[in-house]
Amino acid sequence: MRGMDELGSSHVQRVVVRNNLFEDVDGRYGDGYGRFLMMSRGTIDVKVEHNTVWHTGGVMFAGGEPHLGFVFRDNLLKLGGSGITGHARAPGNDTIKFYFPGGEFRRNVLIGLPEEPYPGNNFYPRTPEAVGFVDLARGNYRLLPSSKYKRAATDGKDIGCDFDELDAALEWYGGSAAGRTQGAR
């Protein structure tokens, strides 16, 4: 996400990325290196909430100016690659403090153990199997009733995508994710 328009005259502001399932975010496509987010040139009031992401690279890379009012909460993804990193910064807290000053990073499930310090009030299961998905092998990323991340989000919902809402939106648009996402609730 570029933080400014092409003329460099205005910052990107008030963007919400909420309740999505992103699959196959892979470094073989494009130039994002399999990262979920690429943040540059400073943004203002960007919220990334309740997303489930399967990617091959790090979570995000930041550069340029700091991003103000950034919120990253209730997401479920792999820590992978270099995790959350920024230009000339160490992964984890060093990048977050520099590029996202005062930002909110909480109640995320980041699969894999971080090598560098990351914010508290997040979860770091060692493997995808430890999360408690309905059927990981078949791409059903709903959480089992026994998952410790069930109803553990900041709003009391499941961490990650709300698949009931996603299914309803897809039906409204004439499609369905029912074959992939229905199951234990």
N, C-alpha and C. Protein backbone atom coordinates (compact mmCIF):
# COMPACT_ATOMS: atom_id res chain seq x y z
N MET A 1 0.86 -1.16 0.00
CA MET A 1 0.00 0.00 0.00
C MET A 1 0.90 1.22 0.00
N ARG A 2 0.82 1.98 -1.05
CA ARG A 2 1.58 3.22 -1.10
C ARG A 2 0.88 4.25 -0.24
N GLY A 3 1.65 4.93 0.55
CA GLY A 3 1.07 5.87 1.50
C GLY A 3 0.69 7.21 0.92
N MET A 4 1.12 7.48 -0.32
CA MET A 4 0.80 8.77 -0.93
C MET A 4 0.32 8.53 -2.36
N ASP A 5 -0.40 9.52 -2.89
CA ASP A 5 -0.81 9.40 -4.28
C ASP A 5 0.42 9.53 -5.18
N GLU A 6 0.26 9.31 -6.46
CA GLU A 6 1.38 9.30 -7.40
C GLU A 6 2.11 10.65 -7.48
N LEU A 7 1.42 11.73 -7.19
CA LEU A 7 2.04 13.06 -7.23
C LEU A 7 2.74 13.40 -5.92
N GLY A 8 2.54 12.54 -4.90
CA GLY A 8 3.15 12.79 -3.61
C GLY A 8 2.51 13.94 -2.86
N SER A 9 1.26 14.25 -3.18
CA SER A 9 0.62 15.41 -2.58
C SER A 9 -0.36 15.07 -1.45
N SER A 10 -0.75 13.81 -1.32
CA SER A 10 -1.75 13.46 -0.32
C SER A 10 -1.51 12.05 0.20
N HIS A 11 -1.62 11.88 1.51
CA HIS A 11 -1.44 10.56 2.14
C HIS A 11 -2.70 9.71 1.97
N VAL A 12 -2.51 8.41 1.80
CA VAL A 12 -3.64 7.48 1.83
C VAL A 12 -4.18 7.49 3.24
N GLN A 13 -5.51 7.63 3.37
CA GLN A 13 -6.14 7.76 4.67
C GLN A 13 -7.40 6.92 4.76
N ARG A 14 -7.72 6.52 5.99
CA ARG A 14 -8.99 5.87 6.31
C ARG A 14 -9.30 4.66 5.41
N VAL A 15 -8.41 3.69 5.42
CA VAL A 15 -8.60 2.45 4.66
C VAL A 15 -8.84 1.33 5.67
N VAL A 16 -9.82 0.47 5.37
CA VAL A 16 -10.11 -0.68 6.22
C VAL A 16 -10.02 -1.95 5.38
N VAL A 17 -9.23 -2.90 5.86
CA VAL A 17 -9.13 -4.23 5.25
C VAL A 17 -9.66 -5.18 6.31
N ARG A 18 -10.92 -5.62 6.13
CA ARG A 18 -11.59 -6.38 7.19
C ARG A 18 -12.32 -7.59 6.62
N ASN A 19 -12.21 -8.68 7.36
CA ASN A 19 -12.99 -9.89 7.14
C ASN A 19 -12.76 -10.51 5.76
N ASN A 20 -11.52 -10.84 5.49
CA ASN A 20 -11.14 -11.46 4.22
C ASN A 20 -10.43 -12.77 4.45
N LEU A 21 -10.52 -13.63 3.46
CA LEU A 21 -9.70 -14.83 3.38
C LEU A 21 -8.77 -14.63 2.20
N PHE A 22 -7.48 -14.57 2.48
CA PHE A 22 -6.46 -14.44 1.43
C PHE A 22 -5.70 -15.76 1.38
N GLU A 23 -5.74 -16.41 0.23
CA GLU A 23 -5.02 -17.66 0.05
C GLU A 23 -4.01 -17.52 -1.08
N ASP A 24 -2.98 -18.30 -1.02
CA ASP A 24 -1.98 -18.36 -2.09
C ASP A 24 -1.30 -17.02 -2.33
N VAL A 25 -1.01 -16.29 -1.28
CA VAL A 25 -0.20 -15.08 -1.39
C VAL A 25 1.23 -15.60 -1.46
N ASP A 26 1.79 -15.58 -2.66
CA ASP A 26 3.02 -16.30 -2.93
C ASP A 26 4.02 -15.41 -3.65
N GLY A 27 5.27 -15.51 -3.27
CA GLY A 27 6.33 -14.71 -3.87
C GLY A 27 6.56 -14.98 -5.35
N ARG A 28 5.98 -16.06 -5.86
CA ARG A 28 6.13 -16.35 -7.30
C ARG A 28 5.30 -15.40 -8.16
N TYR A 29 4.35 -14.69 -7.54
CA TYR A 29 3.47 -13.79 -8.28
C TYR A 29 3.80 -12.35 -7.91
N GLY A 30 4.09 -11.52 -8.86
CA GLY A 30 4.35 -10.11 -8.60
C GLY A 30 5.67 -9.91 -7.88
N ASP A 31 5.78 -8.77 -7.22
CA ASP A 31 7.04 -8.45 -6.55
C ASP A 31 6.88 -8.22 -5.05
N GLY A 32 5.89 -8.84 -4.44
CA GLY A 32 5.66 -8.67 -3.01
C GLY A 32 6.37 -9.70 -2.15
N TYR A 33 7.11 -10.63 -2.78
CA TYR A 33 7.88 -11.63 -2.05
C TYR A 33 7.03 -12.51 -1.14
N GLY A 34 5.75 -12.67 -1.47
CA GLY A 34 4.87 -13.50 -0.67
C GLY A 34 4.41 -12.86 0.62
N ARG A 35 4.67 -11.57 0.79
CA ARG A 35 4.23 -10.86 2.00
C ARG A 35 2.74 -10.52 1.88
N PHE A 36 2.08 -10.47 3.03
CA PHE A 36 0.68 -10.06 3.05
C PHE A 36 0.55 -8.57 2.75
N LEU A 37 1.37 -7.73 3.40
CA LEU A 37 1.28 -6.28 3.20
C LEU A 37 2.65 -5.68 2.90
N MET A 38 2.65 -4.71 2.00
CA MET A 38 3.82 -3.89 1.72
C MET A 38 3.38 -2.45 1.96
N MET A 39 3.95 -1.82 2.94
CA MET A 39 3.53 -0.47 3.34
C MET A 39 4.66 0.51 3.06
N SER A 40 4.37 1.57 2.29
CA SER A 40 5.41 2.56 2.00
C SER A 40 4.85 3.97 2.01
N ARG A 41 5.71 4.93 2.23
CA ARG A 41 5.44 6.36 2.11
C ARG A 41 4.46 6.93 3.14
N GLY A 42 4.19 6.23 4.19
CA GLY A 42 3.33 6.76 5.25
C GLY A 42 1.85 6.73 4.90
N THR A 43 1.05 6.19 5.80
CA THR A 43 -0.40 6.18 5.66
C THR A 43 -0.98 6.75 6.94
N ILE A 44 -2.28 7.03 6.90
CA ILE A 44 -2.96 7.57 8.08
C ILE A 44 -4.26 6.79 8.29
N ASP A 45 -4.45 6.28 9.49
CA ASP A 45 -5.68 5.58 9.88
C ASP A 45 -6.02 4.40 8.98
N VAL A 46 -5.10 3.44 8.86
CA VAL A 46 -5.35 2.19 8.15
C VAL A 46 -5.64 1.12 9.20
N LYS A 47 -6.74 0.36 9.00
CA LYS A 47 -7.11 -0.73 9.90
C LYS A 47 -7.11 -2.04 9.14
N VAL A 48 -6.44 -3.04 9.70
CA VAL A 48 -6.40 -4.39 9.14
C VAL A 48 -6.92 -5.30 10.24
N GLU A 49 -8.16 -5.83 10.07
CA GLU A 49 -8.83 -6.55 11.14
C GLU A 49 -9.53 -7.80 10.60
N HIS A 50 -9.51 -8.85 11.40
CA HIS A 50 -10.28 -10.08 11.14
C HIS A 50 -10.01 -10.67 9.76
N ASN A 51 -8.75 -10.82 9.41
CA ASN A 51 -8.38 -11.47 8.15
C ASN A 51 -7.69 -12.78 8.45
N THR A 52 -7.92 -13.78 7.59
CA THR A 52 -7.18 -15.04 7.63
C THR A 52 -6.35 -15.07 6.37
N VAL A 53 -5.03 -15.27 6.53
CA VAL A 53 -4.10 -15.12 5.41
C VAL A 53 -3.16 -16.32 5.33
N TRP A 54 -3.03 -16.90 4.14
CA TRP A 54 -2.05 -17.95 3.87
C TRP A 54 -1.06 -17.41 2.86
N HIS A 55 0.15 -17.16 3.32
CA HIS A 55 1.18 -16.51 2.51
C HIS A 55 2.49 -17.26 2.67
N THR A 56 3.41 -17.04 1.73
CA THR A 56 4.69 -17.74 1.77
C THR A 56 5.82 -16.89 2.33
N GLY A 57 5.65 -15.59 2.38
CA GLY A 57 6.70 -14.69 2.87
C GLY A 57 6.36 -14.15 4.24
N GLY A 58 6.98 -13.02 4.57
CA GLY A 58 6.73 -12.38 5.85
C GLY A 58 5.32 -11.80 5.92
N VAL A 59 4.96 -11.30 7.09
CA VAL A 59 3.65 -10.69 7.29
C VAL A 59 3.57 -9.35 6.56
N MET A 60 4.52 -8.47 6.84
CA MET A 60 4.51 -7.17 6.16
C MET A 60 5.90 -6.55 6.17
N PHE A 61 6.08 -5.64 5.24
CA PHE A 61 7.31 -4.85 5.15
C PHE A 61 6.91 -3.39 5.09
N ALA A 62 7.59 -2.54 5.87
CA ALA A 62 7.30 -1.11 5.88
C ALA A 62 8.54 -0.33 5.49
N GLY A 63 8.31 0.79 4.85
CA GLY A 63 9.40 1.68 4.47
C GLY A 63 8.88 3.10 4.35
N GLY A 64 9.77 4.02 4.07
CA GLY A 64 9.38 5.42 3.90
C GLY A 64 9.02 6.05 5.23
N GLU A 65 8.00 6.87 5.20
CA GLU A 65 7.56 7.57 6.40
C GLU A 65 6.79 6.64 7.34
N PRO A 66 6.72 6.98 8.64
CA PRO A 66 5.90 6.19 9.55
C PRO A 66 4.42 6.22 9.16
N HIS A 67 3.71 5.18 9.59
CA HIS A 67 2.27 5.02 9.32
C HIS A 67 1.54 5.36 10.62
N LEU A 68 0.72 6.39 10.57
CA LEU A 68 0.06 6.90 11.77
C LEU A 68 -1.35 6.33 11.91
N GLY A 69 -1.73 6.01 13.14
CA GLY A 69 -3.06 5.49 13.40
C GLY A 69 -3.27 4.09 12.85
N PHE A 70 -2.21 3.30 12.73
CA PHE A 70 -2.30 1.96 12.14
C PHE A 70 -2.84 0.96 13.16
N VAL A 71 -3.80 0.15 12.73
CA VAL A 71 -4.40 -0.88 13.58
C VAL A 71 -4.26 -2.22 12.89
N PHE A 72 -3.70 -3.19 13.59
CA PHE A 72 -3.53 -4.56 13.08
C PHE A 72 -3.98 -5.48 14.20
N ARG A 73 -5.24 -5.94 14.14
CA ARG A 73 -5.77 -6.74 15.24
C ARG A 73 -6.70 -7.84 14.73
N ASP A 74 -6.77 -8.90 15.52
CA ASP A 74 -7.71 -10.00 15.30
C ASP A 74 -7.47 -10.75 13.99
N ASN A 75 -6.23 -10.73 13.48
CA ASN A 75 -5.88 -11.42 12.24
C ASN A 75 -5.25 -12.77 12.55
N LEU A 76 -5.34 -13.68 11.60
CA LEU A 76 -4.75 -15.00 11.75
C LEU A 76 -3.87 -15.25 10.53
N LEU A 77 -2.56 -15.40 10.75
CA LEU A 77 -1.64 -15.61 9.64
C LEU A 77 -0.34 -16.22 10.14
N LYS A 78 0.52 -16.59 9.22
CA LYS A 78 1.81 -17.18 9.57
C LYS A 78 2.83 -16.06 9.79
N LEU A 79 3.66 -16.24 10.79
CA LEU A 79 4.71 -15.26 11.03
C LEU A 79 5.68 -15.28 9.86
N GLY A 80 6.07 -16.46 9.41
CA GLY A 80 6.84 -16.70 8.19
C GLY A 80 7.86 -15.66 7.76
N GLY A 81 8.84 -16.10 7.00
CA GLY A 81 9.84 -15.19 6.44
C GLY A 81 10.44 -14.31 7.51
N SER A 82 10.45 -13.03 7.25
CA SER A 82 11.03 -12.08 8.20
C SER A 82 9.97 -11.48 9.12
N GLY A 83 8.75 -11.99 9.09
CA GLY A 83 7.69 -11.51 9.97
C GLY A 83 7.27 -10.10 9.63
N ILE A 84 7.25 -9.23 10.62
CA ILE A 84 6.94 -7.81 10.44
C ILE A 84 8.26 -7.08 10.47
N THR A 85 8.66 -6.53 9.34
CA THR A 85 9.96 -5.88 9.26
C THR A 85 9.86 -4.61 8.44
N GLY A 86 10.89 -3.77 8.60
CA GLY A 86 10.93 -2.51 7.88
C GLY A 86 12.34 -2.20 7.42
N HIS A 87 12.43 -1.27 6.52
CA HIS A 87 13.72 -0.86 5.96
C HIS A 87 14.67 -0.43 7.09
N ALA A 88 15.82 -1.07 7.16
CA ALA A 88 16.87 -0.75 8.13
C ALA A 88 16.45 -0.94 9.58
N ARG A 89 15.47 -1.82 9.82
CA ARG A 89 15.00 -2.08 11.18
C ARG A 89 15.02 -3.59 11.43
N ALA A 90 15.13 -3.97 12.68
CA ALA A 90 15.02 -5.38 13.06
C ALA A 90 13.55 -5.79 13.01
N PRO A 91 13.28 -7.07 12.73
CA PRO A 91 11.89 -7.54 12.72
C PRO A 91 11.24 -7.37 14.09
N GLY A 92 9.92 -7.32 14.10
CA GLY A 92 9.16 -7.28 15.35
C GLY A 92 9.05 -5.90 15.94
N ASN A 93 9.25 -5.81 17.25
CA ASN A 93 9.01 -4.56 17.97
C ASN A 93 9.80 -3.37 17.43
N ASP A 94 11.03 -3.58 16.99
CA ASP A 94 11.83 -2.47 16.47
C ASP A 94 11.14 -1.84 15.26
N THR A 95 10.70 -2.66 14.31
CA THR A 95 9.98 -2.16 13.14
C THR A 95 8.66 -1.51 13.54
N ILE A 96 7.92 -2.17 14.41
CA ILE A 96 6.60 -1.66 14.82
C ILE A 96 6.73 -0.29 15.49
N LYS A 97 7.66 -0.15 16.40
CA LYS A 97 7.83 1.13 17.10
C LYS A 97 8.26 2.25 16.15
N PHE A 98 9.10 1.93 15.19
CA PHE A 98 9.59 2.96 14.27
C PHE A 98 8.58 3.32 13.19
N TYR A 99 8.03 2.32 12.51
CA TYR A 99 7.15 2.57 11.36
C TYR A 99 5.68 2.70 11.71
N PHE A 100 5.28 2.24 12.88
CA PHE A 100 3.88 2.30 13.29
C PHE A 100 3.76 2.88 14.70
N PRO A 101 4.30 4.08 14.92
CA PRO A 101 4.32 4.65 16.28
C PRO A 101 2.89 4.82 16.81
N GLY A 102 2.67 4.30 18.01
CA GLY A 102 1.35 4.40 18.63
C GLY A 102 0.33 3.46 18.00
N GLY A 103 0.76 2.62 17.08
CA GLY A 103 -0.16 1.68 16.42
C GLY A 103 -0.66 0.61 17.38
N GLU A 104 -1.72 -0.04 16.97
CA GLU A 104 -2.31 -1.10 17.77
C GLU A 104 -2.04 -2.44 17.10
N PHE A 105 -1.31 -3.31 17.77
CA PHE A 105 -1.02 -4.67 17.32
C PHE A 105 -1.44 -5.60 18.43
N ARG A 106 -2.63 -6.19 18.32
CA ARG A 106 -3.06 -7.09 19.39
C ARG A 106 -4.08 -8.10 18.92
N ARG A 107 -4.12 -9.18 19.69
CA ARG A 107 -5.06 -10.29 19.51
C ARG A 107 -4.94 -10.93 18.12
N ASN A 108 -3.74 -10.94 17.58
CA ASN A 108 -3.47 -11.63 16.32
C ASN A 108 -2.91 -13.01 16.63
N VAL A 109 -3.22 -13.97 15.78
CA VAL A 109 -2.59 -15.28 15.84
C VAL A 109 -1.51 -15.27 14.76
N LEU A 110 -0.26 -15.33 15.17
CA LEU A 110 0.89 -15.34 14.26
C LEU A 110 1.55 -16.70 14.40
N ILE A 111 1.29 -17.58 13.44
CA ILE A 111 1.75 -18.96 13.53
C ILE A 111 3.26 -19.02 13.31
N GLY A 112 3.94 -19.65 14.24
CA GLY A 112 5.39 -19.77 14.20
C GLY A 112 6.00 -18.97 15.33
N LEU A 113 7.08 -19.43 15.86
CA LEU A 113 7.71 -18.75 16.99
C LEU A 113 8.61 -17.62 16.50
N PRO A 114 8.42 -16.42 17.00
CA PRO A 114 9.26 -15.30 16.56
C PRO A 114 10.68 -15.41 17.10
N GLU A 115 11.63 -15.02 16.27
CA GLU A 115 13.02 -14.98 16.72
C GLU A 115 13.32 -13.66 17.43
N GLU A 116 12.65 -12.60 17.03
CA GLU A 116 12.82 -11.28 17.64
C GLU A 116 11.61 -10.99 18.53
N PRO A 117 11.72 -10.02 19.43
CA PRO A 117 10.57 -9.67 20.28
C PRO A 117 9.41 -9.09 19.46
N TYR A 118 8.21 -9.51 19.81
CA TYR A 118 6.97 -9.01 19.21
C TYR A 118 6.06 -8.55 20.33
N PRO A 119 5.05 -7.74 20.02
CA PRO A 119 4.16 -7.24 21.07
C PRO A 119 3.46 -8.35 21.84
N GLY A 120 3.23 -8.10 23.11
CA GLY A 120 2.41 -9.00 23.91
C GLY A 120 0.96 -8.89 23.46
N ASN A 121 0.09 -9.63 24.09
CA ASN A 121 -1.34 -9.64 23.78
C ASN A 121 -1.60 -10.11 22.35
N ASN A 122 -0.71 -10.97 21.84
CA ASN A 122 -0.88 -11.69 20.59
C ASN A 122 -0.59 -13.15 20.90
N PHE A 123 -0.86 -14.02 19.95
CA PHE A 123 -0.68 -15.45 20.16
C PHE A 123 0.31 -15.99 19.13
N TYR A 124 1.15 -16.91 19.57
CA TYR A 124 2.21 -17.44 18.72
C TYR A 124 2.23 -18.98 18.76
N PRO A 125 1.19 -19.63 18.20
CA PRO A 125 1.24 -21.10 18.16
C PRO A 125 2.38 -21.55 17.27
N ARG A 126 2.98 -22.67 17.61
CA ARG A 126 4.15 -23.15 16.89
C ARG A 126 3.82 -23.59 15.46
N THR A 127 2.67 -24.26 15.27
CA THR A 127 2.31 -24.82 13.96
C THR A 127 0.87 -24.49 13.60
N PRO A 128 0.50 -24.58 12.31
CA PRO A 128 -0.90 -24.39 11.93
C PRO A 128 -1.82 -25.39 12.62
N GLU A 129 -1.35 -26.61 12.83
CA GLU A 129 -2.16 -27.64 13.47
C GLU A 129 -2.52 -27.26 14.91
N ALA A 130 -1.68 -26.49 15.55
CA ALA A 130 -1.93 -26.08 16.93
C ALA A 130 -3.04 -25.03 17.05
N VAL A 131 -3.47 -24.46 15.93
CA VAL A 131 -4.51 -23.43 15.96
C VAL A 131 -5.88 -24.03 16.26
N GLY A 132 -6.16 -25.21 15.68
CA GLY A 132 -7.47 -25.82 15.87
C GLY A 132 -8.44 -25.47 14.75
N PHE A 133 -8.03 -25.69 13.50
CA PHE A 133 -8.91 -25.47 12.35
C PHE A 133 -9.86 -26.65 12.16
N VAL A 134 -11.00 -26.40 11.54
CA VAL A 134 -11.96 -27.47 11.25
C VAL A 134 -11.32 -28.51 10.34
N ASP A 135 -10.72 -28.09 9.23
CA ASP A 135 -10.09 -29.03 8.31
C ASP A 135 -9.00 -28.31 7.52
N LEU A 136 -7.84 -28.20 8.12
CA LEU A 136 -6.72 -27.48 7.53
C LEU A 136 -6.34 -28.07 6.17
N ALA A 137 -6.31 -29.40 6.06
CA ALA A 137 -5.89 -30.06 4.82
C ALA A 137 -6.79 -29.70 3.64
N ARG A 138 -8.06 -29.45 3.90
CA ARG A 138 -9.01 -29.11 2.83
C ARG A 138 -9.29 -27.61 2.74
N GLY A 139 -8.54 -26.80 3.48
CA GLY A 139 -8.70 -25.36 3.40
C GLY A 139 -9.90 -24.81 4.13
N ASN A 140 -10.42 -25.55 5.12
CA ASN A 140 -11.51 -25.03 5.93
C ASN A 140 -10.88 -24.40 7.17
N TYR A 141 -10.74 -23.09 7.16
CA TYR A 141 -10.03 -22.36 8.19
C TYR A 141 -10.92 -21.87 9.32
N ARG A 142 -12.16 -22.35 9.39
CA ARG A 142 -12.98 -22.04 10.56
C ARG A 142 -12.30 -22.65 11.78
N LEU A 143 -12.54 -22.06 12.92
CA LEU A 143 -11.95 -22.58 14.15
C LEU A 143 -12.88 -23.61 14.78
N LEU A 144 -12.29 -24.68 15.29
CA LEU A 144 -13.04 -25.68 16.03
C LEU A 144 -13.56 -25.07 17.33
N PRO A 145 -14.66 -25.60 17.86
CA PRO A 145 -15.15 -25.09 19.15
C PRO A 145 -14.09 -25.19 20.25
N SER A 146 -13.17 -26.13 20.13
CA SER A 146 -12.13 -26.32 21.14
C SER A 146 -10.90 -25.44 20.94
N SER A 147 -10.84 -24.68 19.85
CA SER A 147 -9.69 -23.81 19.59
C SER A 147 -9.62 -22.71 20.65
N LYS A 148 -8.41 -22.46 21.17
CA LYS A 148 -8.28 -21.40 22.17
C LYS A 148 -8.42 -20.00 21.57
N TYR A 149 -8.53 -19.90 20.25
CA TYR A 149 -8.70 -18.61 19.58
C TYR A 149 -10.15 -18.33 19.22
N LYS A 150 -11.02 -19.28 19.56
CA LYS A 150 -12.46 -19.12 19.37
C LYS A 150 -12.93 -18.04 20.35
N ARG A 151 -13.61 -17.05 19.83
CA ARG A 151 -14.14 -15.93 20.63
C ARG A 151 -13.06 -15.22 21.46
N ALA A 152 -11.83 -15.18 20.93
CA ALA A 152 -10.71 -14.55 21.65
C ALA A 152 -10.30 -13.21 21.05
N ALA A 153 -11.05 -12.72 20.06
CA ALA A 153 -10.72 -11.44 19.42
C ALA A 153 -11.12 -10.28 20.33
N THR A 154 -10.69 -9.09 19.97
CA THR A 154 -10.99 -7.90 20.78
C THR A 154 -12.49 -7.64 20.89
N ASP A 155 -13.26 -8.10 19.89
CA ASP A 155 -14.71 -7.89 19.89
C ASP A 155 -15.49 -9.12 20.35
N GLY A 156 -14.79 -10.14 20.86
CA GLY A 156 -15.44 -11.35 21.33
C GLY A 156 -15.73 -12.37 20.25
N LYS A 157 -15.40 -12.07 19.01
CA LYS A 157 -15.59 -13.02 17.91
C LYS A 157 -14.34 -13.90 17.79
N ASP A 158 -14.37 -14.81 16.82
CA ASP A 158 -13.20 -15.63 16.54
C ASP A 158 -12.10 -14.75 15.94
N ILE A 159 -10.85 -15.08 16.24
CA ILE A 159 -9.75 -14.41 15.57
C ILE A 159 -9.70 -14.90 14.13
N GLY A 160 -9.41 -14.00 13.22
CA GLY A 160 -9.40 -14.32 11.80
C GLY A 160 -10.72 -13.93 11.15
N CYS A 161 -10.91 -14.42 9.95
CA CYS A 161 -12.10 -14.10 9.15
C CYS A 161 -13.37 -14.64 9.80
N ASP A 162 -14.45 -13.88 9.73
CA ASP A 162 -15.76 -14.35 10.14
C ASP A 162 -16.38 -15.01 8.91
N PHE A 163 -16.30 -16.33 8.85
CA PHE A 163 -16.72 -17.04 7.65
C PHE A 163 -18.22 -17.01 7.41
N ASP A 164 -19.03 -16.84 8.46
CA ASP A 164 -20.46 -16.66 8.24
C ASP A 164 -20.72 -15.37 7.48
N GLU A 165 -20.05 -14.29 7.87
CA GLU A 165 -20.20 -13.02 7.16
C GLU A 165 -19.65 -13.11 5.74
N LEU A 166 -18.53 -13.79 5.58
CA LEU A 166 -17.95 -13.95 4.24
C LEU A 166 -18.89 -14.75 3.34
N ASP A 167 -19.44 -15.86 3.86
CA ASP A 167 -20.39 -16.65 3.07
C ASP A 167 -21.61 -15.83 2.68
N ALA A 168 -22.13 -15.03 3.62
CA ALA A 168 -23.30 -14.19 3.33
C ALA A 168 -22.98 -13.17 2.24
N ALA A 169 -21.80 -12.57 2.30
CA ALA A 169 -21.41 -11.59 1.28
C ALA A 169 -21.24 -12.26 -0.07
N LEU A 170 -20.64 -13.44 -0.09
CA LEU A 170 -20.45 -14.14 -1.36
C LEU A 170 -21.78 -14.57 -1.96
N GLU A 171 -22.71 -15.02 -1.12
CA GLU A 171 -24.05 -15.38 -1.61
C GLU A 171 -24.73 -14.17 -2.21
N TRP A 172 -24.61 -13.03 -1.55
CA TRP A 172 -25.23 -11.81 -2.04
C TRP A 172 -24.70 -11.47 -3.43
N TYR A 173 -23.42 -11.74 -3.66
CA TYR A 173 -22.81 -11.48 -4.96
C TYR A 173 -22.97 -12.65 -5.93
N GLY A 174 -23.69 -13.70 -5.52
CA GLY A 174 -23.96 -14.81 -6.41
C GLY A 174 -22.96 -15.95 -6.34
N GLY A 175 -22.04 -15.90 -5.42
CA GLY A 175 -21.07 -16.98 -5.27
C GLY A 175 -21.22 -17.62 -3.92
N SER A 176 -20.30 -18.52 -3.58
CA SER A 176 -20.32 -19.14 -2.28
C SER A 176 -18.97 -19.73 -1.95
N ALA A 177 -18.63 -19.62 -0.71
CA ALA A 177 -17.43 -20.29 -0.21
C ALA A 177 -17.84 -21.46 0.66
N ALA A 178 -19.11 -21.85 0.58
CA ALA A 178 -19.68 -22.84 1.47
C ALA A 178 -18.91 -24.15 1.46
N GLY A 179 -18.46 -24.59 0.33
CA GLY A 179 -17.74 -25.85 0.26
C GLY A 179 -16.44 -25.82 1.03
N ARG A 180 -15.87 -24.66 1.21
CA ARG A 180 -14.57 -24.54 1.88
C ARG A 180 -14.71 -24.14 3.33
N THR A 181 -15.73 -23.34 3.66
CA THR A 181 -15.73 -22.72 4.98
C THR A 181 -16.78 -23.24 5.94
N GLN A 182 -17.76 -24.00 5.48
CA GLN A 182 -18.79 -24.44 6.42
C GLN A 182 -18.28 -25.58 7.27
N GLY A 183 -18.79 -25.68 8.43
CA GLY A 183 -18.35 -26.74 9.34
C GLY A 183 -18.68 -26.34 10.75
N ALA A 184 -17.86 -26.79 11.69
CA ALA A 184 -18.10 -26.51 13.11
C ALA A 184 -18.12 -25.00 13.34
N ARG A 185 -18.98 -24.57 14.17
CA ARG A 185 -19.12 -23.15 14.44
C ARG A 185 -18.78 -22.83 15.88
